[in-house]
């Protein structure tokens, strides 16, 4: 059970880390170049479609992060740090990123796009940190 939980946790963290880097470096900066007349529709479509990918994997990561704190005696502090990172990611996602996306769905604003990109660095750094924790655990397990 513990190994399956760890494997699901590591997979979800690595997947989300890769995805957030693509969004941060490629996807969000392209918002500046979208046609004004299609901008709001594109943002809504982005939110709708990315949710099918991100939400299930984020839920898996959160649940397995919680489980590892209770199941794994080995690397306990790594799992606590991972859960803290995931918790901050969730808070940032739903209290910062989602509202910014909602604003952009209403009005095209370079200021809001800049804010979206700047604040998304929080999630990018935390998912990178979470993935590095996972790699560290894997290294010590070998």
Protein backbone atom coordinates (compact mmCIF):
# COMPACT_ATOMS: atom_id res chain seq x y z
CA UNK A 1 0.00 0.00 0.00
CA UNK A 2 2.75 2.44 0.97
CA UNK A 3 4.74 1.79 -2.24
CA UNK A 4 1.64 2.31 -4.42
CA UNK A 5 0.82 5.52 -2.58
CA UNK A 6 4.38 6.76 -2.99
CA UNK A 7 4.41 5.83 -6.69
CA UNK A 8 1.12 7.68 -7.32
CA UNK A 9 2.40 10.67 -5.39
CA UNK A 10 5.68 10.83 -7.28
CA UNK A 11 4.00 10.34 -10.66
CA UNK A 12 1.46 13.11 -9.97
CA UNK A 13 4.13 15.52 -8.72
CA UNK A 14 6.45 14.86 -11.66
CA UNK A 15 3.56 15.17 -14.14
CA UNK A 16 2.32 18.43 -12.62
CA UNK A 17 5.84 19.83 -12.44
CA UNK A 18 6.38 19.22 -16.15
CA UNK A 19 2.97 20.62 -17.01
CA UNK A 20 3.40 23.80 -14.95
CA UNK A 21 6.76 24.53 -16.60
CA UNK A 22 5.14 24.25 -20.06
CA UNK A 23 2.30 26.52 -18.95
CA UNK A 24 4.68 29.01 -17.33
CA UNK A 25 7.23 29.25 -20.14
CA UNK A 26 5.10 28.57 -23.23
CA UNK A 27 1.40 28.82 -22.61
CA UNK A 28 0.79 31.86 -20.38
CA UNK A 29 3.18 34.16 -22.28
CA UNK A 30 1.22 33.35 -25.46
CA UNK A 31 -1.82 35.05 -23.86
CA UNK A 32 -0.21 38.36 -24.88
CA UNK A 33 -0.49 37.36 -28.54
CA UNK A 34 -4.07 36.16 -28.69
CA UNK A 35 -6.47 38.09 -30.89
CA UNK A 36 -8.55 40.52 -28.88
CA UNK A 37 -11.87 39.37 -30.38
CA UNK A 38 -11.23 35.71 -29.44
CA UNK A 39 -9.37 36.26 -26.18
CA UNK A 40 -12.22 35.70 -23.69
CA UNK A 41 -13.46 32.62 -25.51
CA UNK A 42 -9.95 31.17 -25.59
CA UNK A 43 -9.41 31.78 -21.85
CA UNK A 44 -12.70 30.09 -20.96
CA UNK A 45 -11.87 27.15 -23.23
CA UNK A 46 -8.39 26.91 -21.70
CA UNK A 47 -9.89 26.78 -18.19
CA UNK A 48 -12.43 24.17 -19.18
CA UNK A 49 -10.01 21.86 -20.98
CA UNK A 50 -7.05 22.15 -18.62
CA UNK A 51 -9.35 21.25 -15.72
CA UNK A 52 -9.87 17.74 -17.12
CA UNK A 53 -6.11 17.19 -16.98
CA UNK A 54 -5.10 19.11 -13.87
CA UNK A 55 -7.87 18.56 -11.33
CA UNK A 56 -7.76 14.73 -11.17
CA UNK A 57 -3.96 14.70 -10.93
CA UNK A 58 -3.95 17.46 -8.30
CA UNK A 59 -6.49 15.48 -6.25
CA UNK A 60 -4.33 12.36 -6.50
CA UNK A 61 -1.28 14.35 -5.43
CA UNK A 62 -3.11 15.91 -2.47
CA UNK A 63 -4.66 12.67 -1.23
CA UNK A 64 -1.42 10.70 -1.56
CA UNK A 65 0.54 13.51 0.12
CA UNK A 66 -1.84 13.36 3.08
CA UNK A 67 -1.70 9.55 3.16
CA UNK A 68 2.11 9.49 3.10
CA UNK A 69 2.26 11.71 6.19
CA UNK A 70 0.22 9.08 8.05
CA UNK A 71 1.51 5.89 6.39
CA UNK A 72 5.21 6.46 5.91
CA UNK A 73 7.46 6.57 8.94
CA UNK A 74 10.50 6.72 6.68
CA UNK A 75 11.18 10.16 5.15
CA UNK A 76 8.45 11.62 7.38
CA UNK A 77 9.81 15.18 7.22
CA UNK A 78 10.11 14.99 3.44
CA UNK A 79 6.44 14.01 3.29
CA UNK A 80 5.47 16.84 5.67
CA UNK A 81 7.39 19.31 3.47
CA UNK A 82 5.68 17.86 0.39
CA UNK A 83 2.24 18.23 1.97
CA UNK A 84 2.99 21.84 2.93
CA UNK A 85 4.08 22.55 -0.66
CA UNK A 86 0.96 20.90 -2.09
CA UNK A 87 -1.26 22.82 0.36
CA UNK A 88 0.26 26.14 -0.71
CA UNK A 89 -0.15 25.14 -4.36
CA UNK A 90 -3.86 24.45 -3.77
CA UNK A 91 -4.34 27.75 -1.92
CA UNK A 92 -2.52 29.68 -4.64
CA UNK A 93 -4.43 27.89 -7.38
CA UNK A 94 -7.89 28.55 -6.01
CA UNK A 95 -7.36 31.95 -4.38
CA UNK A 96 -4.97 33.56 -6.88
CA UNK A 97 -4.75 31.76 -10.25
CA UNK A 98 -8.43 30.84 -10.72
CA UNK A 99 -9.64 34.39 -9.91
CA UNK A 100 -7.08 35.82 -12.36
CA UNK A 101 -8.29 33.42 -15.05
CA UNK A 102 -11.86 34.49 -14.30
CA UNK A 103 -10.87 38.15 -14.67
CA UNK A 104 -9.16 37.41 -17.98
CA UNK A 105 -12.29 35.62 -19.21
CA UNK A 106 -14.10 38.93 -18.75
CA UNK A 107 -11.49 41.37 -20.05
CA UNK A 108 -8.18 41.17 -21.88
CA UNK A 109 -5.63 42.94 -19.72
CA UNK A 110 -1.86 42.90 -20.06
CA UNK A 111 -1.63 43.82 -16.38
CA UNK A 112 -3.66 40.74 -15.38
CA UNK A 113 -1.66 38.51 -17.75
CA UNK A 114 1.57 39.79 -16.16
CA UNK A 115 0.12 39.15 -12.70
CA UNK A 116 -0.94 35.64 -13.76
CA UNK A 117 2.58 34.85 -14.97
CA UNK A 118 4.28 36.42 -11.94
CA UNK A 119 2.09 34.67 -9.37
CA UNK A 120 2.28 31.36 -11.22
CA UNK A 121 5.98 31.25 -10.35
CA UNK A 122 4.85 30.29 -6.84
CA UNK A 123 3.29 27.08 -8.15
CA UNK A 124 6.13 26.45 -10.59
CA UNK A 125 8.75 26.70 -7.83
CA UNK A 126 6.71 24.64 -5.36
CA UNK A 127 6.02 21.82 -7.85
CA UNK A 128 9.71 21.82 -8.74
CA UNK A 129 10.55 21.63 -5.02
CA UNK A 130 7.99 18.82 -4.54
CA UNK A 131 9.50 16.90 -7.46
CA UNK A 132 13.02 17.37 -6.08
CA UNK A 133 11.81 15.98 -2.74
CA UNK A 134 10.50 12.96 -4.64
CA UNK A 135 13.78 12.49 -6.46
CA UNK A 136 15.60 12.70 -3.13
CA UNK A 137 13.37 9.99 -1.66
CA UNK A 138 13.98 7.80 -4.72
CA UNK A 139 17.73 8.38 -4.41
CA UNK A 140 17.74 7.31 -0.75
CA UNK A 141 15.59 4.25 -1.52
CA UNK A 142 18.14 2.93 -4.03
